[in-house]
Amino acid sequence: MSHSIFTKLNSGGNGVINVPTAWEWCCYCHNNKTRRNHIFPNIDIENEFFVRSCLTSEAALGVHFSQGAVYIQATTFPIMDKESHTSEREKSNEALAIRYHDDIFQKGKLEVADEILSPDFVIRNPVLPEDLSKGPEGTKKYASAVITAVPDRKLVHHDILSKGDKVLIRWTNSGTNTGPLFGNPPTGKTYVATGFDLFRISNGKIKELWQQYNFAPWP
């Protein structure tokens, strides 16, 4: 629900209006139509009749001049608090990290790498060849090798933790090695690998991945 406040200022006078969100719209002067001591520099008078906030789409400020008086209308809309905003961003980051595993490596949708990875994406894995660790193309090569070597692969997520721009996933990967992998001949045997992947997300893209794993089940 929106909330509106109206206030009247004398011609040429200064005024302060307190909006329910604790923002202050302050010190507008009618005579010279200039802004004075306003704490939000992105808000300015576009013309004599209307001012709109460029700072956020969740608030608007209207200024009207009539019969030597200034009428200010400030309208605010429900604004997401900082914790809610952070939570939404972290959920979005989690979704990207999950897509990295599920779409690219589990389902074999290699084109998703171009969608969710930054052009300068890098995997920080001490045993992964360099040509498989850099950029979306490197990830496509990495995933292709795994898909070919383990056609019955199964990737399971046990824990997903998000904080700020990072997402940590604890996982298990299992399957039957029927094809060559990273220069090693196929074993024809089933295996279980367990590990952690730590993702860093920037501007809606996965920027970095730190990866550690071991060929053994979780104890």
N, C-alpha and C. Protein backbone atom coordinates (compact mmCIF):
# COMPACT_ATOMS: atom_id res chain seq x y z
N MET A 1 0.85 -1.19 0.00
CA MET A 1 0.00 0.00 0.00
C MET A 1 0.89 1.24 0.00
N SER A 2 0.55 2.22 -0.86
CA SER A 2 1.32 3.46 -0.90
C SER A 2 0.86 4.39 0.21
N HIS A 3 1.71 5.36 0.51
CA HIS A 3 1.39 6.32 1.56
C HIS A 3 1.77 7.70 1.07
N SER A 4 0.87 8.67 1.19
CA SER A 4 1.13 10.03 0.70
C SER A 4 1.11 11.03 1.83
N ILE A 5 1.95 12.03 1.72
CA ILE A 5 1.99 13.14 2.68
C ILE A 5 1.92 14.43 1.88
N PHE A 6 1.14 15.39 2.34
CA PHE A 6 1.06 16.69 1.70
C PHE A 6 1.56 17.74 2.68
N THR A 7 2.28 18.71 2.20
CA THR A 7 2.70 19.82 3.04
C THR A 7 2.66 21.10 2.21
N LYS A 8 2.48 22.23 2.88
CA LYS A 8 2.40 23.53 2.20
C LYS A 8 3.51 24.41 2.71
N LEU A 9 4.26 25.01 1.77
CA LEU A 9 5.34 25.91 2.13
C LEU A 9 4.99 27.31 1.65
N ASN A 10 5.40 28.31 2.39
CA ASN A 10 5.18 29.68 1.96
C ASN A 10 6.04 30.00 0.75
N SER A 11 5.56 30.92 -0.05
CA SER A 11 6.30 31.30 -1.25
C SER A 11 7.70 31.76 -0.89
N GLY A 12 8.71 31.18 -1.55
CA GLY A 12 10.09 31.57 -1.31
C GLY A 12 10.68 30.96 -0.06
N GLY A 13 9.91 30.19 0.68
CA GLY A 13 10.44 29.63 1.91
C GLY A 13 11.06 28.26 1.73
N ASN A 14 11.72 27.81 2.76
CA ASN A 14 12.31 26.48 2.76
C ASN A 14 11.43 25.55 3.59
N GLY A 15 11.52 24.27 3.35
CA GLY A 15 10.70 23.34 4.12
C GLY A 15 11.34 21.97 4.20
N VAL A 16 10.92 21.23 5.20
CA VAL A 16 11.40 19.87 5.38
C VAL A 16 10.19 18.96 5.48
N ILE A 17 10.22 17.84 4.75
CA ILE A 17 9.14 16.87 4.85
C ILE A 17 9.73 15.52 5.21
N ASN A 18 9.22 14.92 6.27
CA ASN A 18 9.71 13.62 6.70
C ASN A 18 8.80 12.53 6.16
N VAL A 19 9.37 11.63 5.36
CA VAL A 19 8.62 10.55 4.75
C VAL A 19 8.66 9.36 5.71
N PRO A 20 7.64 8.50 5.72
CA PRO A 20 7.61 7.38 6.68
C PRO A 20 8.81 6.48 6.64
N THR A 21 9.55 6.48 5.55
CA THR A 21 10.73 5.64 5.44
C THR A 21 11.95 6.27 6.10
N ALA A 22 11.75 7.39 6.76
CA ALA A 22 12.82 8.12 7.45
C ALA A 22 13.70 8.89 6.48
N TRP A 23 13.30 8.98 5.23
CA TRP A 23 14.00 9.85 4.31
C TRP A 23 13.54 11.27 4.54
N GLU A 24 14.36 12.22 4.17
CA GLU A 24 14.00 13.63 4.29
C GLU A 24 14.09 14.30 2.93
N TRP A 25 13.02 14.97 2.56
CA TRP A 25 13.04 15.80 1.38
C TRP A 25 13.13 17.24 1.91
N CYS A 26 14.26 17.88 1.68
CA CYS A 26 14.45 19.11 2.42
C CYS A 26 14.86 20.28 1.55
N CYS A 27 14.46 21.45 2.05
CA CYS A 27 14.99 22.73 1.61
C CYS A 27 14.80 23.01 0.13
N TYR A 28 13.58 22.98 -0.34
CA TYR A 28 13.28 23.44 -1.69
C TYR A 28 12.89 24.91 -1.64
N CYS A 29 13.37 25.68 -2.54
CA CYS A 29 13.08 27.11 -2.57
C CYS A 29 12.30 27.45 -3.83
N HIS A 30 11.15 28.09 -3.67
CA HIS A 30 10.28 28.40 -4.80
C HIS A 30 10.81 29.57 -5.64
N ASN A 31 11.38 30.57 -4.97
CA ASN A 31 11.75 31.79 -5.68
C ASN A 31 12.75 31.52 -6.80
N ASN A 32 13.84 30.80 -6.50
CA ASN A 32 14.83 30.58 -7.54
C ASN A 32 14.80 29.15 -8.09
N LYS A 33 13.83 28.35 -7.61
CA LYS A 33 13.63 27.00 -8.11
C LYS A 33 14.91 26.17 -8.05
N THR A 34 15.64 26.32 -6.98
CA THR A 34 16.87 25.54 -6.82
C THR A 34 16.74 24.63 -5.62
N ARG A 35 17.60 23.64 -5.57
CA ARG A 35 17.61 22.70 -4.46
C ARG A 35 18.66 23.14 -3.46
N ARG A 36 18.35 23.10 -2.17
CA ARG A 36 19.32 23.49 -1.15
C ARG A 36 19.49 22.37 -0.13
N ASN A 37 20.73 21.97 0.10
CA ASN A 37 21.07 21.03 1.17
C ASN A 37 20.27 19.74 1.12
N HIS A 38 20.01 19.26 -0.09
CA HIS A 38 19.23 18.03 -0.21
C HIS A 38 20.17 16.83 -0.09
N ILE A 39 19.78 15.85 0.71
CA ILE A 39 20.68 14.73 0.97
C ILE A 39 20.70 13.73 -0.17
N PHE A 40 19.78 13.87 -1.15
CA PHE A 40 19.79 12.98 -2.31
C PHE A 40 20.05 13.82 -3.56
N PRO A 41 21.30 13.89 -4.03
CA PRO A 41 21.61 14.76 -5.16
C PRO A 41 20.98 14.32 -6.46
N ASN A 42 20.51 13.07 -6.55
CA ASN A 42 19.89 12.59 -7.78
C ASN A 42 18.46 13.08 -7.96
N ILE A 43 17.91 13.75 -6.95
CA ILE A 43 16.55 14.27 -7.03
C ILE A 43 16.63 15.76 -7.36
N ASP A 44 15.99 16.16 -8.42
CA ASP A 44 16.07 17.57 -8.81
C ASP A 44 14.73 18.01 -9.39
N ILE A 45 14.56 19.31 -9.52
CA ILE A 45 13.33 19.86 -10.08
C ILE A 45 13.44 19.84 -11.60
N GLU A 46 12.59 19.04 -12.24
CA GLU A 46 12.61 18.96 -13.69
C GLU A 46 11.88 20.14 -14.31
N ASN A 47 10.78 20.57 -13.68
CA ASN A 47 10.05 21.74 -14.13
C ASN A 47 9.25 22.26 -12.94
N GLU A 48 8.37 23.23 -13.17
CA GLU A 48 7.65 23.84 -12.07
C GLU A 48 6.63 22.92 -11.44
N PHE A 49 6.28 21.84 -12.10
CA PHE A 49 5.11 21.10 -11.67
C PHE A 49 5.42 19.72 -11.07
N PHE A 50 6.56 19.14 -11.42
CA PHE A 50 6.74 17.77 -10.96
C PHE A 50 8.21 17.45 -10.74
N VAL A 51 8.48 16.76 -9.66
CA VAL A 51 9.81 16.25 -9.36
C VAL A 51 9.69 14.76 -9.13
N ARG A 52 10.56 14.00 -9.73
CA ARG A 52 10.55 12.55 -9.50
C ARG A 52 11.93 12.08 -9.08
N SER A 53 11.96 11.14 -8.17
CA SER A 53 13.22 10.62 -7.69
C SER A 53 13.88 9.73 -8.73
N CYS A 54 15.12 10.05 -9.04
CA CYS A 54 15.90 9.18 -9.91
C CYS A 54 16.64 8.14 -9.09
N LEU A 55 16.59 8.29 -7.78
CA LEU A 55 17.33 7.40 -6.89
C LEU A 55 16.67 6.04 -6.78
N THR A 56 15.34 6.01 -6.71
CA THR A 56 14.63 4.75 -6.54
C THR A 56 13.26 4.85 -7.17
N SER A 57 12.81 3.75 -7.73
CA SER A 57 11.48 3.72 -8.33
C SER A 57 10.40 3.55 -7.27
N GLU A 58 10.81 3.44 -6.02
CA GLU A 58 9.85 3.18 -4.95
C GLU A 58 9.39 4.45 -4.25
N ALA A 59 9.78 5.61 -4.78
CA ALA A 59 9.34 6.86 -4.17
C ALA A 59 9.20 7.93 -5.24
N ALA A 60 8.27 8.82 -5.05
CA ALA A 60 8.09 9.93 -5.98
C ALA A 60 7.78 11.19 -5.20
N LEU A 61 8.24 12.32 -5.71
CA LEU A 61 8.03 13.60 -5.03
C LEU A 61 7.43 14.57 -6.03
N GLY A 62 6.28 15.13 -5.71
CA GLY A 62 5.65 16.09 -6.60
C GLY A 62 5.68 17.48 -5.99
N VAL A 63 5.96 18.47 -6.80
CA VAL A 63 5.98 19.85 -6.34
C VAL A 63 5.02 20.66 -7.22
N HIS A 64 4.09 21.37 -6.61
CA HIS A 64 3.13 22.17 -7.36
C HIS A 64 3.16 23.61 -6.84
N PHE A 65 3.10 24.58 -7.75
CA PHE A 65 3.07 25.99 -7.40
C PHE A 65 1.67 26.54 -7.68
N SER A 66 1.06 27.12 -6.69
CA SER A 66 -0.29 27.64 -6.88
C SER A 66 -0.53 28.83 -5.96
N GLN A 67 -0.90 29.96 -6.52
CA GLN A 67 -1.29 31.15 -5.76
C GLN A 67 -0.24 31.53 -4.72
N GLY A 68 1.01 31.56 -5.13
CA GLY A 68 2.07 32.03 -4.27
C GLY A 68 2.49 31.06 -3.19
N ALA A 69 2.00 29.82 -3.26
CA ALA A 69 2.38 28.82 -2.25
C ALA A 69 2.93 27.59 -2.95
N VAL A 70 3.70 26.83 -2.20
CA VAL A 70 4.30 25.61 -2.72
C VAL A 70 3.64 24.42 -2.04
N TYR A 71 3.13 23.48 -2.82
CA TYR A 71 2.56 22.27 -2.27
C TYR A 71 3.47 21.09 -2.66
N ILE A 72 3.87 20.36 -1.66
CA ILE A 72 4.74 19.20 -1.92
C ILE A 72 3.97 17.93 -1.58
N GLN A 73 3.97 16.99 -2.49
CA GLN A 73 3.39 15.68 -2.23
C GLN A 73 4.49 14.65 -2.33
N ALA A 74 4.70 13.92 -1.26
CA ALA A 74 5.66 12.83 -1.27
C ALA A 74 4.91 11.52 -1.16
N THR A 75 5.11 10.64 -2.10
CA THR A 75 4.43 9.36 -2.10
C THR A 75 5.47 8.25 -1.98
N THR A 76 5.30 7.40 -1.01
CA THR A 76 6.22 6.29 -0.84
C THR A 76 5.47 4.98 -1.01
N PHE A 77 6.21 3.98 -1.46
CA PHE A 77 5.66 2.65 -1.65
C PHE A 77 6.44 1.68 -0.76
N PRO A 78 5.88 0.49 -0.50
CA PRO A 78 6.60 -0.47 0.35
C PRO A 78 8.00 -0.71 -0.18
N ILE A 79 8.97 -0.54 0.66
CA ILE A 79 10.36 -0.68 0.26
C ILE A 79 10.97 -1.89 0.94
N MET A 80 11.65 -2.72 0.15
CA MET A 80 12.28 -3.91 0.68
C MET A 80 13.41 -3.51 1.63
N ASP A 81 13.41 -4.06 2.83
CA ASP A 81 14.47 -3.71 3.76
C ASP A 81 15.77 -4.38 3.32
N LYS A 82 16.86 -3.98 3.97
CA LYS A 82 18.18 -4.44 3.56
C LYS A 82 18.31 -5.95 3.65
N GLU A 83 17.77 -6.54 4.72
CA GLU A 83 17.89 -7.98 4.89
C GLU A 83 17.13 -8.72 3.81
N SER A 84 15.93 -8.24 3.47
CA SER A 84 15.14 -8.89 2.43
C SER A 84 15.84 -8.79 1.08
N HIS A 85 16.41 -7.59 0.81
CA HIS A 85 17.13 -7.39 -0.45
C HIS A 85 18.31 -8.35 -0.54
N THR A 86 19.06 -8.49 0.55
CA THR A 86 20.20 -9.40 0.58
C THR A 86 19.75 -10.83 0.37
N SER A 87 18.66 -11.21 1.02
CA SER A 87 18.15 -12.56 0.89
C SER A 87 17.77 -12.87 -0.55
N GLU A 88 17.11 -11.93 -1.22
CA GLU A 88 16.72 -12.14 -2.61
C GLU A 88 17.94 -12.28 -3.51
N ARG A 89 18.95 -11.46 -3.27
CA ARG A 89 20.17 -11.55 -4.07
C ARG A 89 20.86 -12.89 -3.85
N GLU A 90 20.91 -13.35 -2.61
CA GLU A 90 21.55 -14.62 -2.32
C GLU A 90 20.79 -15.80 -2.94
N LYS A 91 19.46 -15.71 -2.97
CA LYS A 91 18.68 -16.76 -3.62
C LYS A 91 18.97 -16.80 -5.12
N SER A 92 19.11 -15.61 -5.71
CA SER A 92 19.44 -15.55 -7.13
C SER A 92 20.82 -16.14 -7.39
N ASN A 93 21.77 -15.85 -6.50
CA ASN A 93 23.11 -16.42 -6.64
C ASN A 93 23.09 -17.94 -6.51
N GLU A 94 22.29 -18.45 -5.57
CA GLU A 94 22.15 -19.90 -5.41
C GLU A 94 21.64 -20.54 -6.69
N ALA A 95 20.65 -19.90 -7.30
CA ALA A 95 20.06 -20.45 -8.52
C ALA A 95 21.11 -20.56 -9.63
N LEU A 96 22.01 -19.57 -9.72
CA LEU A 96 23.07 -19.63 -10.71
C LEU A 96 24.02 -20.79 -10.44
N ALA A 97 24.42 -20.95 -9.18
CA ALA A 97 25.34 -22.03 -8.82
C ALA A 97 24.72 -23.40 -9.09
N ILE A 98 23.45 -23.55 -8.77
CA ILE A 98 22.75 -24.82 -9.02
C ILE A 98 22.68 -25.10 -10.52
N ARG A 99 22.43 -24.07 -11.32
CA ARG A 99 22.37 -24.26 -12.77
C ARG A 99 23.72 -24.70 -13.33
N TYR A 100 24.79 -24.22 -12.73
CA TYR A 100 26.13 -24.64 -13.18
C TYR A 100 26.25 -26.15 -13.09
N HIS A 101 25.85 -26.71 -11.98
CA HIS A 101 25.91 -28.16 -11.81
C HIS A 101 24.85 -28.89 -12.62
N ASP A 102 23.59 -28.50 -12.41
CA ASP A 102 22.46 -29.26 -12.96
C ASP A 102 22.34 -29.12 -14.48
N ASP A 103 22.40 -27.89 -14.97
CA ASP A 103 22.20 -27.69 -16.40
C ASP A 103 23.40 -28.11 -17.23
N ILE A 104 24.59 -27.68 -16.81
CA ILE A 104 25.77 -27.92 -17.63
C ILE A 104 26.30 -29.34 -17.46
N PHE A 105 26.56 -29.76 -16.21
CA PHE A 105 27.23 -31.04 -15.99
C PHE A 105 26.27 -32.22 -15.91
N GLN A 106 25.09 -32.03 -15.30
CA GLN A 106 24.16 -33.14 -15.18
C GLN A 106 23.33 -33.33 -16.45
N LYS A 107 22.73 -32.26 -16.96
CA LYS A 107 21.85 -32.36 -18.14
C LYS A 107 22.59 -32.20 -19.46
N GLY A 108 23.83 -31.74 -19.41
CA GLY A 108 24.61 -31.60 -20.63
C GLY A 108 24.23 -30.43 -21.51
N LYS A 109 23.60 -29.39 -20.93
CA LYS A 109 23.24 -28.20 -21.69
C LYS A 109 24.43 -27.24 -21.72
N LEU A 110 25.36 -27.51 -22.60
CA LEU A 110 26.62 -26.76 -22.61
C LEU A 110 26.41 -25.28 -22.92
N GLU A 111 25.37 -24.95 -23.68
CA GLU A 111 25.14 -23.55 -24.05
C GLU A 111 24.83 -22.67 -22.84
N VAL A 112 24.43 -23.29 -21.73
CA VAL A 112 24.13 -22.52 -20.52
C VAL A 112 25.39 -21.83 -19.99
N ALA A 113 26.56 -22.39 -20.29
CA ALA A 113 27.82 -21.78 -19.85
C ALA A 113 27.94 -20.34 -20.35
N ASP A 114 27.52 -20.09 -21.59
CA ASP A 114 27.59 -18.73 -22.14
C ASP A 114 26.62 -17.80 -21.43
N GLU A 115 25.54 -18.35 -20.89
CA GLU A 115 24.51 -17.54 -20.24
C GLU A 115 24.87 -17.15 -18.82
N ILE A 116 25.45 -18.08 -18.06
CA ILE A 116 25.62 -17.84 -16.62
C ILE A 116 27.05 -17.56 -16.19
N LEU A 117 28.02 -17.74 -17.08
CA LEU A 117 29.42 -17.53 -16.70
C LEU A 117 29.94 -16.23 -17.27
N SER A 118 30.75 -15.54 -16.47
CA SER A 118 31.42 -14.33 -16.94
C SER A 118 32.45 -14.71 -18.00
N PRO A 119 32.70 -13.83 -18.98
CA PRO A 119 33.70 -14.15 -20.01
C PRO A 119 35.07 -14.49 -19.43
N ASP A 120 35.42 -13.89 -18.28
CA ASP A 120 36.71 -14.18 -17.67
C ASP A 120 36.59 -15.16 -16.50
N PHE A 121 35.55 -15.98 -16.51
CA PHE A 121 35.34 -16.99 -15.48
C PHE A 121 36.57 -17.89 -15.36
N VAL A 122 36.88 -18.28 -14.12
CA VAL A 122 38.01 -19.18 -13.89
C VAL A 122 37.66 -20.19 -12.80
N ILE A 123 38.07 -21.44 -13.01
CA ILE A 123 37.94 -22.49 -12.00
C ILE A 123 39.29 -22.64 -11.30
N ARG A 124 39.30 -22.51 -10.00
CA ARG A 124 40.53 -22.63 -9.24
C ARG A 124 40.57 -24.03 -8.63
N ASN A 125 41.01 -24.96 -9.47
CA ASN A 125 41.13 -26.36 -9.11
C ASN A 125 42.58 -26.77 -9.37
N PRO A 126 43.32 -27.23 -8.34
CA PRO A 126 44.75 -27.46 -8.49
C PRO A 126 45.11 -28.58 -9.47
N VAL A 127 44.17 -29.46 -9.82
CA VAL A 127 44.51 -30.57 -10.71
C VAL A 127 43.86 -30.45 -12.09
N LEU A 128 43.07 -29.42 -12.32
CA LEU A 128 42.37 -29.28 -13.58
C LEU A 128 43.28 -28.61 -14.61
N PRO A 129 43.40 -29.18 -15.83
CA PRO A 129 44.22 -28.55 -16.86
C PRO A 129 43.75 -27.12 -17.15
N GLU A 130 44.70 -26.25 -17.50
CA GLU A 130 44.39 -24.84 -17.68
C GLU A 130 43.36 -24.59 -18.77
N ASP A 131 43.41 -25.39 -19.86
CA ASP A 131 42.47 -25.15 -20.96
C ASP A 131 41.03 -25.50 -20.59
N LEU A 132 40.83 -26.19 -19.46
CA LEU A 132 39.48 -26.52 -18.99
C LEU A 132 39.01 -25.61 -17.88
N SER A 133 39.87 -24.72 -17.44
CA SER A 133 39.55 -23.94 -16.24
C SER A 133 39.23 -22.47 -16.52
N LYS A 134 39.33 -22.04 -17.77
CA LYS A 134 39.15 -20.62 -18.05
C LYS A 134 38.03 -20.37 -19.06
N GLY A 135 37.14 -19.45 -18.67
CA GLY A 135 36.08 -19.00 -19.55
C GLY A 135 34.99 -20.01 -19.78
N PRO A 136 33.89 -19.59 -20.40
CA PRO A 136 32.80 -20.50 -20.73
C PRO A 136 33.24 -21.66 -21.62
N GLU A 137 34.17 -21.40 -22.55
CA GLU A 137 34.63 -22.47 -23.43
C GLU A 137 35.37 -23.55 -22.67
N GLY A 138 36.17 -23.13 -21.67
CA GLY A 138 36.86 -24.11 -20.85
C GLY A 138 35.89 -24.99 -20.09
N THR A 139 34.81 -24.38 -19.57
CA THR A 139 33.80 -25.15 -18.84
C THR A 139 33.09 -26.12 -19.77
N LYS A 140 32.83 -25.72 -21.00
CA LYS A 140 32.19 -26.62 -21.97
C LYS A 140 33.08 -27.85 -22.22
N LYS A 141 34.38 -27.63 -22.36
CA LYS A 141 35.31 -28.74 -22.57
C LYS A 141 35.34 -29.66 -21.33
N TYR A 142 35.36 -29.05 -20.15
CA TYR A 142 35.36 -29.79 -18.89
C TYR A 142 34.11 -30.66 -18.80
N ALA A 143 32.95 -30.05 -19.02
CA ALA A 143 31.68 -30.78 -18.93
C ALA A 143 31.59 -31.87 -19.99
N SER A 144 32.04 -31.58 -21.20
CA SER A 144 31.99 -32.58 -22.28
C SER A 144 32.81 -33.81 -21.93
N ALA A 145 33.99 -33.58 -21.33
CA ALA A 145 34.84 -34.70 -20.94
C ALA A 145 34.16 -35.58 -19.89
N VAL A 146 33.53 -34.93 -18.91
CA VAL A 146 32.84 -35.68 -17.86
C VAL A 146 31.63 -36.42 -18.42
N ILE A 147 30.86 -35.77 -19.28
CA ILE A 147 29.66 -36.37 -19.86
C ILE A 147 30.01 -37.60 -20.69
N THR A 148 31.08 -37.49 -21.48
CA THR A 148 31.50 -38.61 -22.31
C THR A 148 32.03 -39.77 -21.48
N ALA A 149 32.79 -39.45 -20.44
CA ALA A 149 33.43 -40.49 -19.63
C ALA A 149 32.46 -41.16 -18.68
N VAL A 150 31.42 -40.44 -18.25
CA VAL A 150 30.49 -40.97 -17.25
C VAL A 150 29.05 -40.68 -17.71
N PRO A 151 28.52 -41.46 -18.63
CA PRO A 151 27.18 -41.18 -19.15
C PRO A 151 26.06 -41.38 -18.13
N ASP A 152 26.30 -42.17 -17.09
CA ASP A 152 25.25 -42.40 -16.07
C ASP A 152 25.50 -41.59 -14.81
N ARG A 153 26.24 -40.50 -14.95
CA ARG A 153 26.62 -39.69 -13.79
C ARG A 153 25.39 -39.21 -13.01
N LYS A 154 25.57 -39.02 -11.72
CA LYS A 154 24.51 -38.49 -10.86
C LYS A 154 25.13 -37.53 -9.86
N LEU A 155 24.68 -36.29 -9.90
CA LEU A 155 25.21 -35.25 -9.03
C LEU A 155 24.16 -34.89 -7.99
N VAL A 156 24.54 -34.99 -6.71
CA VAL A 156 23.61 -34.73 -5.60
C VAL A 156 24.16 -33.59 -4.75
N HIS A 157 23.29 -32.64 -4.42
CA HIS A 157 23.65 -31.54 -3.51
C HIS A 157 23.21 -31.89 -2.09
N HIS A 158 24.12 -31.77 -1.14
CA HIS A 158 23.81 -32.04 0.26
C HIS A 158 23.56 -30.77 1.06
N ASP A 159 24.38 -29.75 0.82
CA ASP A 159 24.25 -28.47 1.51
C ASP A 159 24.51 -27.35 0.52
N ILE A 160 23.74 -26.27 0.64
CA ILE A 160 23.95 -25.06 -0.15
C ILE A 160 23.91 -23.88 0.81
N LEU A 161 25.01 -23.15 0.91
CA LEU A 161 25.11 -22.01 1.81
C LEU A 161 25.47 -20.76 1.02
N SER A 162 24.76 -19.67 1.31
CA SER A 162 24.99 -18.41 0.60
C SER A 162 25.32 -17.30 1.59
N LYS A 163 26.27 -16.47 1.20
CA LYS A 163 26.62 -15.29 1.99
C LYS A 163 27.19 -14.24 1.06
N GLY A 164 26.49 -13.10 0.98
CA GLY A 164 26.99 -12.04 0.11
C GLY A 164 27.05 -12.50 -1.34
N ASP A 165 28.23 -12.39 -1.94
CA ASP A 165 28.38 -12.75 -3.36
C ASP A 165 28.87 -14.18 -3.56
N LYS A 166 28.88 -14.99 -2.49
CA LYS A 166 29.42 -16.34 -2.59
C LYS A 166 28.37 -17.41 -2.26
N VAL A 167 28.51 -18.56 -2.92
CA VAL A 167 27.64 -19.71 -2.69
C VAL A 167 28.53 -20.94 -2.54
N LEU A 168 28.33 -21.71 -1.47
CA LEU A 168 29.08 -22.94 -1.23
C LEU A 168 28.15 -24.14 -1.37
N ILE A 169 28.56 -25.12 -2.16
CA ILE A 169 27.77 -26.35 -2.34
C ILE A 169 28.63 -27.55 -1.95
N ARG A 170 28.08 -28.38 -1.06
CA ARG A 170 28.71 -29.67 -0.74
C ARG A 170 27.98 -30.73 -1.55
N TRP A 171 28.72 -31.52 -2.31
CA TRP A 171 28.10 -32.41 -3.29
C TRP A 171 28.71 -33.81 -3.31
N THR A 172 27.98 -34.73 -3.93
CA THR A 172 28.46 -36.07 -4.26
C THR A 172 28.18 -36.32 -5.73
N ASN A 173 29.18 -36.82 -6.43
CA ASN A 173 29.04 -37.20 -7.84
C ASN A 173 29.39 -38.68 -7.97
N SER A 174 28.54 -39.44 -8.61
CA SER A 174 28.78 -40.88 -8.76
C SER A 174 28.41 -41.33 -10.16
N GLY A 175 28.93 -42.50 -10.56
CA GLY A 175 28.63 -43.05 -11.87
C GLY A 175 29.61 -44.13 -12.25
N THR A 176 29.56 -44.52 -13.53
CA THR A 176 30.43 -45.57 -14.05
C THR A 176 31.35 -44.98 -15.10
N ASN A 177 32.65 -45.15 -14.90
CA ASN A 177 33.64 -44.58 -15.81
C ASN A 177 33.81 -45.50 -17.03
N THR A 178 33.11 -45.17 -18.11
CA THR A 178 33.15 -46.00 -19.32
C THR A 178 33.95 -45.36 -20.46
N GLY A 179 34.47 -44.16 -20.24
CA GLY A 179 35.24 -43.49 -21.28
C GLY A 179 36.48 -42.84 -20.70
N PRO A 180 37.45 -42.46 -21.56
CA PRO A 180 38.67 -41.81 -21.06
C PRO A 180 38.35 -40.46 -20.43
N LEU A 181 39.14 -40.10 -19.41
CA LEU A 181 38.92 -38.84 -18.71
C LEU A 181 40.24 -38.21 -18.35
N PHE A 182 40.51 -37.05 -18.91
CA PHE A 182 41.73 -36.28 -18.63
C PHE A 182 42.98 -37.12 -18.89
N GLY A 183 42.96 -37.89 -19.98
CA GLY A 183 44.11 -38.69 -20.35
C GLY A 183 44.19 -40.05 -19.70
N ASN A 184 43.27 -40.35 -18.80
CA ASN A 184 43.25 -41.65 -18.14
C ASN A 184 42.29 -42.60 -18.86
N PRO A 185 42.68 -43.86 -19.03
CA PRO A 185 41.79 -44.82 -19.71
C PRO A 185 40.59 -45.14 -18.83
N PRO A 186 39.49 -45.57 -19.44
CA PRO A 186 38.30 -45.91 -18.65
C PRO A 186 38.55 -47.12 -17.76
N THR A 187 37.96 -47.07 -16.58
CA THR A 187 38.12 -48.19 -15.63
C THR A 187 36.99 -49.19 -15.74
N GLY A 188 35.86 -48.76 -16.25
CA GLY A 188 34.70 -49.64 -16.31
C GLY A 188 34.06 -49.86 -14.95
N LYS A 189 34.52 -49.13 -13.97
CA LYS A 189 34.03 -49.33 -12.60
C LYS A 189 33.20 -48.12 -12.15
N THR A 190 32.37 -48.36 -11.17
CA THR A 190 31.63 -47.27 -10.56
C THR A 190 32.54 -46.52 -9.60
N TYR A 191 32.23 -45.28 -9.39
CA TYR A 191 33.03 -44.46 -8.47
C TYR A 191 32.11 -43.52 -7.70
N VAL A 192 32.64 -42.95 -6.63
CA VAL A 192 31.96 -41.90 -5.87
C VAL A 192 32.98 -40.80 -5.60
N ALA A 193 32.64 -39.58 -5.98
CA ALA A 193 33.48 -38.42 -5.69
C ALA A 193 32.69 -37.45 -4.82
N THR A 194 33.35 -36.88 -3.84
CA THR A 194 32.70 -35.91 -2.96
C THR A 194 33.54 -34.65 -2.90
N GLY A 195 32.86 -33.50 -2.76
CA GLY A 195 33.64 -32.27 -2.74
C GLY A 195 32.83 -31.04 -2.39
N PHE A 196 33.53 -29.91 -2.45
CA PHE A 196 32.94 -28.60 -2.20
C PHE A 196 33.23 -27.71 -3.40
N ASP A 197 32.24 -26.94 -3.81
CA ASP A 197 32.43 -25.91 -4.82
C ASP A 197 32.02 -24.57 -4.20
N LEU A 198 32.93 -23.61 -4.27
CA LEU A 198 32.65 -22.26 -3.77
C LEU A 198 32.60 -21.32 -4.96
N PHE A 199 31.42 -20.75 -5.21
CA PHE A 199 31.20 -19.86 -6.34
C PHE A 199 31.24 -18.40 -5.87
N ARG A 200 31.77 -17.54 -6.74
CA ARG A 200 31.64 -16.09 -6.53
C ARG A 200 30.87 -15.51 -7.70
N ILE A 201 29.80 -14.79 -7.39
CA ILE A 201 28.93 -14.22 -8.42
C ILE A 201 29.10 -12.71 -8.44
N SER A 202 29.16 -12.15 -9.64
CA SER A 202 29.29 -10.71 -9.81
C SER A 202 28.43 -10.27 -11.00
N ASN A 203 27.56 -9.28 -10.77
CA ASN A 203 26.70 -8.74 -11.83
C ASN A 203 25.90 -9.81 -12.55
N GLY A 204 25.37 -10.76 -11.77
CA GLY A 204 24.50 -11.77 -12.33
C GLY A 204 25.20 -12.87 -13.10
N LYS A 205 26.53 -12.95 -12.99
CA LYS A 205 27.30 -14.00 -13.66
C LYS A 205 28.24 -14.67 -12.66
N ILE A 206 28.53 -15.94 -12.89
CA ILE A 206 29.51 -16.63 -12.05
C ILE A 206 30.90 -16.21 -12.50
N LYS A 207 31.67 -15.67 -11.57
CA LYS A 207 32.98 -15.09 -11.89
C LYS A 207 34.11 -16.06 -11.57
N GLU A 208 34.01 -16.73 -10.43
CA GLU A 208 35.07 -17.65 -9.99
C GLU A 208 34.45 -18.88 -9.34
N LEU A 209 35.21 -19.97 -9.39
CA LEU A 209 34.83 -21.21 -8.70
C LEU A 209 36.07 -21.84 -8.10
N TRP A 210 36.06 -22.01 -6.77
CA TRP A 210 37.09 -22.76 -6.08
C TRP A 210 36.56 -24.18 -5.87
N GLN A 211 37.35 -25.18 -6.25
CA GLN A 211 36.85 -26.56 -6.24
C GLN A 211 37.87 -27.51 -5.61
N GLN A 212 37.36 -28.31 -4.66
CA GLN A 212 38.17 -29.37 -4.05
C GLN A 212 37.31 -30.63 -3.97
N TYR A 213 37.90 -31.78 -4.30
CA TYR A 213 37.12 -33.03 -4.20
C TYR A 213 38.06 -34.21 -3.95
N ASN A 214 37.44 -35.34 -3.61
CA ASN A 214 38.17 -36.55 -3.31
C ASN A 214 37.35 -37.74 -3.80
N PHE A 215 38.02 -38.80 -4.25
CA PHE A 215 37.31 -39.98 -4.73
C PHE A 215 37.04 -40.93 -3.58
N ALA A 216 36.07 -40.55 -2.79
CA ALA A 216 35.64 -41.35 -1.65
C ALA A 216 34.30 -40.80 -1.17
N PRO A 217 33.44 -41.67 -0.61
CA PRO A 217 32.16 -41.15 -0.09
C PRO A 217 32.36 -40.35 1.18
N TRP A 218 31.35 -39.53 1.51
CA TRP A 218 31.39 -38.83 2.78
C TRP A 218 31.32 -39.84 3.92
N PRO A 219 32.13 -39.68 4.97
CA PRO A 219 32.09 -40.63 6.10
C PRO A 219 30.78 -40.52 6.87
